[in-house]
Every structure is written in C-alpha cells, then in structure tokens.
C-alpha cells in the first residue's frame, strides 16, 4: 500500500522520531515535491533538527519522492480552484486520489476535501492508533506519543480521548 503524508504529520512524526512508523504500517511512503520543500528543505534552512532527521529517515526507509504526472497536476489545480488549501495539501490529495493511496492529513479542511474526493485518509493520531492496534507500540507508549503529539501540534482533546479509549479496548482483546 502507498501512503502520502502531508507536511504537518511528517514534521510531527519527525519531532517525535517516529517517521519509521509510516513505512512499517503502510509500506511505500510517497512524498510530494511541495511537502518535501515544506518539511525538509525549509526546515533545514531554518536549522530545524527534525528536518535533518526526516531527510535521514526518508533515505533509510526508501521514501519515494513523487514526480507529479500531468493528471495529478490537473487535479492539484482543480482542488486549489475549489478549496482553499495549500499546495502541499493539494498535491497530497491529488497523488492519493490518482494512485489510490492513503493520505495522511491533519488539517480539517484538507480532510473534508479528502472525503469529497473519496480519498482514504487518516491523521497523525489515527496513525499512532494504528501502530498500537498492530502492536508496533504498546498502550503506555501510545499514551506518551499522544502527549508528545499534543505538545508539537494542536490536537483536539476529544480526539485524543477517543483514540485512547479505542486503544484501551483493543488492549483488552
């Protein structure tokens, strides 16, 4: 399965040093040009340690740097005309739609567009839940990771509570 993460989830996972979870959970990780620019190139220019970690992890786990097809560029333009999304989010949605991949998006507006396009998607908290469900992290580590996530990005307290409740239920099985 291919997964196409947006910059925000990549940055958050990098800050938590858990980028490898993308490859372990989903297989092939596809990074669009604008997402790479936002998460790695600009981050390194600002001296962000997590950007260097992300670049190293991308090499180590053989992330694919996407080259957008003509069709994907058309989809990007259509999305940008119809919705007020950034270029990175539009690229993620276009690639995920065209390649039947999973999009990893944290912004509410991008997730709404994903629903409208019929694009399968999850967010960073959902990805961490999936890691717990597949026993890549235990419940205690999931709690710690969600706390870290809440420190590096805004996450709805209700969402965190739902993820923890579901994880606890899975742990009882």
Protein backbone atom coordinates (compact mmCIF):
# COMPACT_ATOMS: atom_id res chain seq x y z
CA UNK A 1 0.00 0.00 0.00
CA UNK A 2 1.16 3.53 -0.71
CA UNK A 3 0.80 6.33 1.83
CA UNK A 4 1.12 10.03 1.01
CA UNK A 5 1.74 12.20 4.09
CA UNK A 6 1.27 15.95 4.27
CA UNK A 7 3.99 18.15 5.79
CA UNK A 8 2.31 18.58 9.20
CA UNK A 9 2.18 14.85 10.00
CA UNK A 10 5.73 14.39 8.71
CA UNK A 11 7.00 17.23 10.88
CA UNK A 12 5.14 15.98 13.95
CA UNK A 13 6.38 12.40 13.47
CA UNK A 14 9.90 13.75 12.95
CA UNK A 15 9.77 15.74 16.17
CA UNK A 16 8.70 12.52 17.93
CA UNK A 17 11.32 10.49 16.00
CA UNK A 18 8.63 8.09 14.74
CA UNK A 19 8.72 8.68 10.96
CA UNK A 20 9.62 5.00 10.51
CA UNK A 21 6.05 4.11 11.53
CA UNK A 22 4.82 5.26 8.11
CA UNK A 23 6.89 2.61 6.33
CA UNK A 24 6.19 -0.10 8.92
CA UNK A 25 2.45 0.47 8.80
CA UNK A 26 1.83 1.15 5.15
CA UNK A 27 4.81 0.09 3.04
CA UNK A 28 5.71 2.64 0.37
CA UNK A 29 5.84 6.27 1.54
CA UNK A 30 5.38 8.81 -1.26
CA UNK A 31 6.39 12.43 -0.56
CA UNK A 32 5.23 15.14 -2.95
CA UNK A 33 7.53 17.97 -4.08
CA UNK A 34 5.85 20.71 -2.04
CA UNK A 35 5.64 18.55 1.08
CA UNK A 36 9.39 17.83 0.80
CA UNK A 37 10.02 21.55 0.36
CA UNK A 38 7.94 22.43 3.44
CA UNK A 39 9.09 19.62 5.73
CA UNK A 40 12.74 19.17 4.75
CA UNK A 41 14.18 21.96 2.63
CA UNK A 42 12.67 24.89 4.55
CA UNK A 43 13.17 23.11 7.87
CA UNK A 44 16.86 22.55 7.21
CA UNK A 45 17.24 26.16 6.09
CA UNK A 46 15.83 27.20 9.48
CA UNK A 47 18.20 24.79 11.27
CA UNK A 48 15.41 22.51 12.47
CA UNK A 49 16.88 19.28 13.84
CA UNK A 50 13.73 17.35 12.95
CA UNK A 51 14.13 18.27 9.26
CA UNK A 52 17.56 16.63 9.15
CA UNK A 53 16.12 13.60 10.97
CA UNK A 54 13.30 13.42 8.41
CA UNK A 55 15.74 13.57 5.48
CA UNK A 56 17.84 10.78 7.01
CA UNK A 57 14.74 8.66 7.76
CA UNK A 58 13.46 9.17 4.22
CA UNK A 59 16.73 7.77 2.86
CA UNK A 60 16.84 4.93 5.39
CA UNK A 61 13.25 3.83 4.70
CA UNK A 62 13.39 4.46 0.93
CA UNK A 63 10.67 7.10 0.79
CA UNK A 64 9.69 7.82 -2.80
CA UNK A 65 9.97 11.43 -3.92
CA UNK A 66 6.95 11.80 -6.19
CA UNK A 67 7.06 13.37 -9.60
CA UNK A 68 3.56 14.57 -10.30
CA UNK A 69 2.01 13.30 -13.51
CA UNK A 70 0.12 15.63 -15.83
CA UNK A 71 -3.15 14.22 -14.45
CA UNK A 72 -2.01 14.85 -10.86
CA UNK A 73 -1.07 18.45 -11.72
CA UNK A 74 -4.57 18.91 -13.20
CA UNK A 75 -6.13 17.51 -10.02
CA UNK A 76 -3.97 19.89 -7.94
CA UNK A 77 -5.24 22.87 -9.93
CA UNK A 78 -8.86 21.69 -9.64
CA UNK A 79 -8.51 21.25 -5.88
CA UNK A 80 -6.86 24.65 -5.45
CA UNK A 81 -9.62 26.29 -7.52
CA UNK A 82 -12.38 24.61 -5.50
CA UNK A 83 -10.91 24.71 -1.98
CA UNK A 84 -8.66 26.99 -0.01
CA UNK A 85 -5.87 24.50 0.57
CA UNK A 86 -2.14 24.92 0.44
CA UNK A 87 -0.14 23.49 -2.44
CA UNK A 88 1.23 20.66 -0.29
CA UNK A 89 -2.21 19.50 0.79
CA UNK A 90 -3.50 19.71 -2.78
CA UNK A 91 -0.54 17.63 -4.02
CA UNK A 92 -1.11 15.00 -1.31
CA UNK A 93 -4.79 14.71 -2.24
CA UNK A 94 -4.08 14.60 -5.99
CA UNK A 95 -1.43 11.89 -5.65
CA UNK A 96 -3.53 9.87 -3.20
CA UNK A 97 -6.57 10.08 -5.47
CA UNK A 98 -4.70 9.25 -8.66
CA UNK A 99 -2.65 6.41 -7.16
CA UNK A 100 -5.37 5.03 -4.89
CA UNK A 101 -3.16 5.67 -1.86
CA UNK A 102 -3.83 6.63 1.75
CA UNK A 103 -3.43 10.35 2.53
CA UNK A 104 -2.15 11.40 5.95
CA UNK A 105 -3.68 14.81 6.71
CA UNK A 106 -4.17 16.68 9.94
CA UNK A 107 -5.87 19.87 8.75
CA UNK A 108 -9.66 19.75 8.97
CA UNK A 109 -10.24 21.47 5.60
CA UNK A 110 -7.96 19.02 3.79
CA UNK A 111 -9.70 16.08 5.42
CA UNK A 112 -13.07 17.46 4.29
CA UNK A 113 -11.81 17.68 0.71
CA UNK A 114 -10.50 14.10 1.02
CA UNK A 115 -14.00 12.96 1.97
CA UNK A 116 -15.46 14.81 -1.01
CA UNK A 117 -12.95 13.20 -3.37
CA UNK A 118 -13.40 9.75 -1.84
CA UNK A 119 -9.73 9.64 -0.83
CA UNK A 120 -8.88 7.29 2.03
CA UNK A 121 -7.19 9.27 4.77
CA UNK A 122 -6.04 9.32 8.34
CA UNK A 123 -4.29 11.79 10.62
CA UNK A 124 -1.26 11.60 12.85
CA UNK A 125 -3.31 10.49 15.87
CA UNK A 126 -5.00 7.83 13.73
CA UNK A 127 -1.63 6.63 12.51
CA UNK A 128 -0.42 6.30 16.11
CA UNK A 129 -3.59 4.39 16.98
CA UNK A 130 -2.97 2.05 14.04
CA UNK A 131 0.57 1.46 15.33
CA UNK A 132 -0.89 0.44 18.68
CA UNK A 133 -3.57 -1.72 17.05
CA UNK A 134 -0.85 -3.57 15.12
CA UNK A 135 1.24 -3.89 18.29
CA UNK A 136 4.10 -1.75 16.96
CA UNK A 137 3.73 0.32 20.14
CA UNK A 138 2.16 -0.69 23.42
CA UNK A 139 -0.55 1.26 25.25
CA UNK A 140 1.89 3.12 27.53
CA UNK A 141 4.00 4.21 24.56
CA UNK A 142 0.84 5.30 22.71
CA UNK A 143 -0.12 7.50 25.68
CA UNK A 144 3.37 9.02 25.68
CA UNK A 145 3.31 9.57 21.90
CA UNK A 146 -0.10 11.25 22.04
CA UNK A 147 1.18 13.53 24.81
CA UNK A 148 4.18 14.39 22.62
CA UNK A 149 1.89 14.98 19.65
CA UNK A 150 -0.22 17.39 21.71
CA UNK A 151 2.99 19.31 22.56
CA UNK A 152 4.15 19.66 18.94
CA UNK A 153 0.78 20.16 17.20
CA UNK A 154 -2.74 21.14 18.14
CA UNK A 155 -4.88 18.06 18.61
CA UNK A 156 -8.48 18.05 19.75
CA UNK A 157 -8.76 16.77 23.33
CA UNK A 158 -11.88 14.85 22.24
CA UNK A 159 -9.89 13.10 19.51
CA UNK A 160 -7.14 12.15 21.97
CA UNK A 161 -9.74 10.76 24.38
CA UNK A 162 -11.38 8.70 21.59
CA UNK A 163 -8.03 7.29 20.45
CA UNK A 164 -7.07 6.32 23.99
CA UNK A 165 -10.47 4.72 24.63
CA UNK A 166 -10.28 2.66 21.44
CA UNK A 167 -6.69 1.64 22.20
CA UNK A 168 -7.65 0.54 25.69
CA UNK A 169 -10.48 -1.58 24.23
CA UNK A 170 -8.09 -3.22 21.77
CA UNK A 171 -5.65 -3.90 24.59
CA UNK A 172 -8.33 -5.88 26.44
CA UNK A 173 -8.84 -8.24 23.48
